[in-house]
Amino acid sequence: MESLDRTSGSGASACPHEPSCPAADELDREAARTVAYHPEQGWSLLCNGIVIFDDTGELLPDGAVIAPHRPTDRTAAA
């Protein structure tokens, strides 16, 4: 089974894509390429090790969770 660790011992990205995918700690982290897609389960694995869910939540490689953040979850201005 392929390891989900996308960094080398030096902490540099091991992304094989050109240009390299953004790291998990960068603001544009969701722009990384999808390496595993499971629509039947509602999640995808990105090249940078992030698991992204259909509800827009995320699980980062360090175990941190980002709550769903759909634009439709915001309240409308009155």
C-alpha atoms as a PDB file:
ATOM      1  CA  MET A   1       0.000   0.000   0.000  1.00  0.00           C
ATOM      2  CA  GLU A   2       1.290   3.462  -0.885  1.00  0.00           C
ATOM      3  CA  SER A   3       2.251   5.692   2.025  1.00  0.00           C
ATOM      4  CA  LEU A   4       0.185   8.837   2.522  1.00  0.00           C
ATOM      5  CA  ASP A   5       3.240  10.789   3.715  1.00  0.00           C
ATOM      6  CA  ARG A   6       3.953  13.273   0.941  1.00  0.00           C
ATOM      7  CA  THR A   7       7.127  14.741   2.436  1.00  0.00           C
ATOM      8  CA  SER A   8      10.696  13.589   2.471  1.00  0.00           C
ATOM      9  CA  GLY A   9      12.888  13.566   5.558  1.00  0.00           C
ATOM     10  CA  SER A  10      13.861  17.179   4.869  1.00  0.00           C
ATOM     11  CA  GLY A  11      10.236  18.336   4.889  1.00  0.00           C
ATOM     12  CA  ALA A  12      10.288  19.146   1.170  1.00  0.00           C
ATOM     13  CA  SER A  13       7.302  18.111  -0.905  1.00  0.00           C
ATOM     14  CA  ALA A  14       7.582  14.824  -2.775  1.00  0.00           C
ATOM     15  CA  CYS A  15       4.889  15.846  -5.262  1.00  0.00           C
ATOM     16  CA  PRO A  16       5.649  14.396  -8.707  1.00  0.00           C
ATOM     17  CA  HIS A  17       3.570  17.007 -10.552  1.00  0.00           C
ATOM     18  CA  GLU A  18       4.986  19.918 -12.515  1.00  0.00           C
ATOM     19  CA  PRO A  19       4.430  22.523 -11.213  1.00  0.00           C
ATOM     20  CA  SER A  20       4.310  21.020  -7.732  1.00  0.00           C
ATOM     21  CA  CYS A  21       1.010  20.909  -5.869  1.00  0.00           C
ATOM     22  CA  PRO A  22       0.593  23.365  -3.000  1.00  0.00           C
ATOM     23  CA  ALA A  23       1.574  22.016   0.422  1.00  0.00           C
ATOM     24  CA  ALA A  24      -1.083  21.179   3.007  1.00  0.00           C
ATOM     25  CA  ASP A  25      -0.230  24.291   5.044  1.00  0.00           C
ATOM     26  CA  GLU A  26      -0.616  26.735   2.127  1.00  0.00           C
ATOM     27  CA  LEU A  27      -3.754  28.816   1.555  1.00  0.00           C
ATOM     28  CA  ASP A  28      -4.391  27.265  -1.868  1.00  0.00           C
ATOM     29  CA  ARG A  29      -4.005  23.678  -0.528  1.00  0.00           C
ATOM     30  CA  GLU A  30      -7.299  22.578  -2.130  1.00  0.00           C
ATOM     31  CA  ALA A  31      -5.747  23.166  -5.575  1.00  0.00           C
ATOM     32  CA  ALA A  32      -3.576  20.035  -5.231  1.00  0.00           C
ATOM     33  CA  ARG A  33      -4.327  17.228  -7.676  1.00  0.00           C
ATOM     34  CA  THR A  34      -6.653  14.396  -6.710  1.00  0.00           C
ATOM     35  CA  VAL A  35      -4.847  11.055  -6.337  1.00  0.00           C
ATOM     36  CA  ALA A  36      -7.788   8.974  -5.052  1.00  0.00           C
ATOM     37  CA  TYR A  37     -11.477   9.684  -5.646  1.00  0.00           C
ATOM     38  CA  HIS A  38     -14.274   7.889  -3.802  1.00  0.00           C
ATOM     39  CA  PRO A  39     -17.589   9.593  -4.658  1.00  0.00           C
ATOM     40  CA  GLU A  40     -19.535   6.662  -3.245  1.00  0.00           C
ATOM     41  CA  GLN A  41     -18.014   7.457   0.164  1.00  0.00           C
ATOM     42  CA  GLY A  42     -17.910  11.240  -0.256  1.00  0.00           C
ATOM     43  CA  TRP A  43     -14.173  11.913  -0.074  1.00  0.00           C
ATOM     44  CA  SER A  44     -11.039  12.403  -2.149  1.00  0.00           C
ATOM     45  CA  LEU A  45      -7.331  12.266  -1.322  1.00  0.00           C
ATOM     46  CA  LEU A  46      -5.223  15.116  -2.656  1.00  0.00           C
ATOM     47  CA  CYS A  47      -1.546  14.876  -3.603  1.00  0.00           C
ATOM     48  CA  ASN A  48      -0.532  16.906  -0.542  1.00  0.00           C
ATOM     49  CA  GLY A  49      -2.098  14.358   1.831  1.00  0.00           C
ATOM     50  CA  ILE A  50      -5.351  16.211   2.524  1.00  0.00           C
ATOM     51  CA  VAL A  51      -8.601  14.253   2.597  1.00  0.00           C
ATOM     52  CA  ILE A  52     -11.331  16.515   1.271  1.00  0.00           C
ATOM     53  CA  PHE A  53     -14.991  15.667   1.817  1.00  0.00           C
ATOM     54  CA  ASP A  54     -18.013  16.390  -0.375  1.00  0.00           C
ATOM     55  CA  ASP A  55     -19.438  18.645   2.352  1.00  0.00           C
ATOM     56  CA  THR A  56     -16.276  20.830   1.943  1.00  0.00           C
ATOM     57  CA  GLY A  57     -14.718  19.681   5.223  1.00  0.00           C
ATOM     58  CA  GLU A  58     -11.062  18.653   5.265  1.00  0.00           C
ATOM     59  CA  LEU A  59      -8.749  16.389   7.220  1.00  0.00           C
ATOM     60  CA  LEU A  60      -5.155  17.628   7.123  1.00  0.00           C
ATOM     61  CA  PRO A  61      -2.136  15.290   7.202  1.00  0.00           C
ATOM     62  CA  ASP A  62      -1.309  16.341  10.785  1.00  0.00           C
ATOM     63  CA  GLY A  63      -4.799  15.279  11.942  1.00  0.00           C
ATOM     64  CA  ALA A  64      -6.235  18.804  12.110  1.00  0.00           C
ATOM     65  CA  VAL A  65      -9.833  19.182  10.958  1.00  0.00           C
ATOM     66  CA  ILE A  66     -11.256  22.023   8.895  1.00  0.00           C
ATOM     67  CA  ALA A  67     -15.013  22.291   9.273  1.00  0.00           C
ATOM     68  CA  PRO A  68     -17.217  22.435   6.175  1.00  0.00           C
ATOM     69  CA  HIS A  69     -17.114  25.900   4.649  1.00  0.00           C
ATOM     70  CA  ARG A  70     -19.712  26.152   1.928  1.00  0.00           C
ATOM     71  CA  PRO A  71     -20.519  29.654   0.695  1.00  0.00           C
ATOM     72  CA  THR A  72     -24.207  28.837   1.218  1.00  0.00           C
ATOM     73  CA  ASP A  73     -23.635  28.366   4.989  1.00  0.00           C
ATOM     74  CA  ARG A  74     -23.225  32.107   5.455  1.00  0.00           C
ATOM     75  CA  THR A  75     -26.176  34.193   6.538  1.00  0.00           C
ATOM     76  CA  ALA A  76     -27.543  36.673   4.051  1.00  0.00           C
ATOM     77  CA  ALA A  77     -26.978  40.372   4.725  1.00  0.00           C
ATOM     78  CA  ALA A  78     -30.189  42.176   5.629  1.00  0.00           C
END
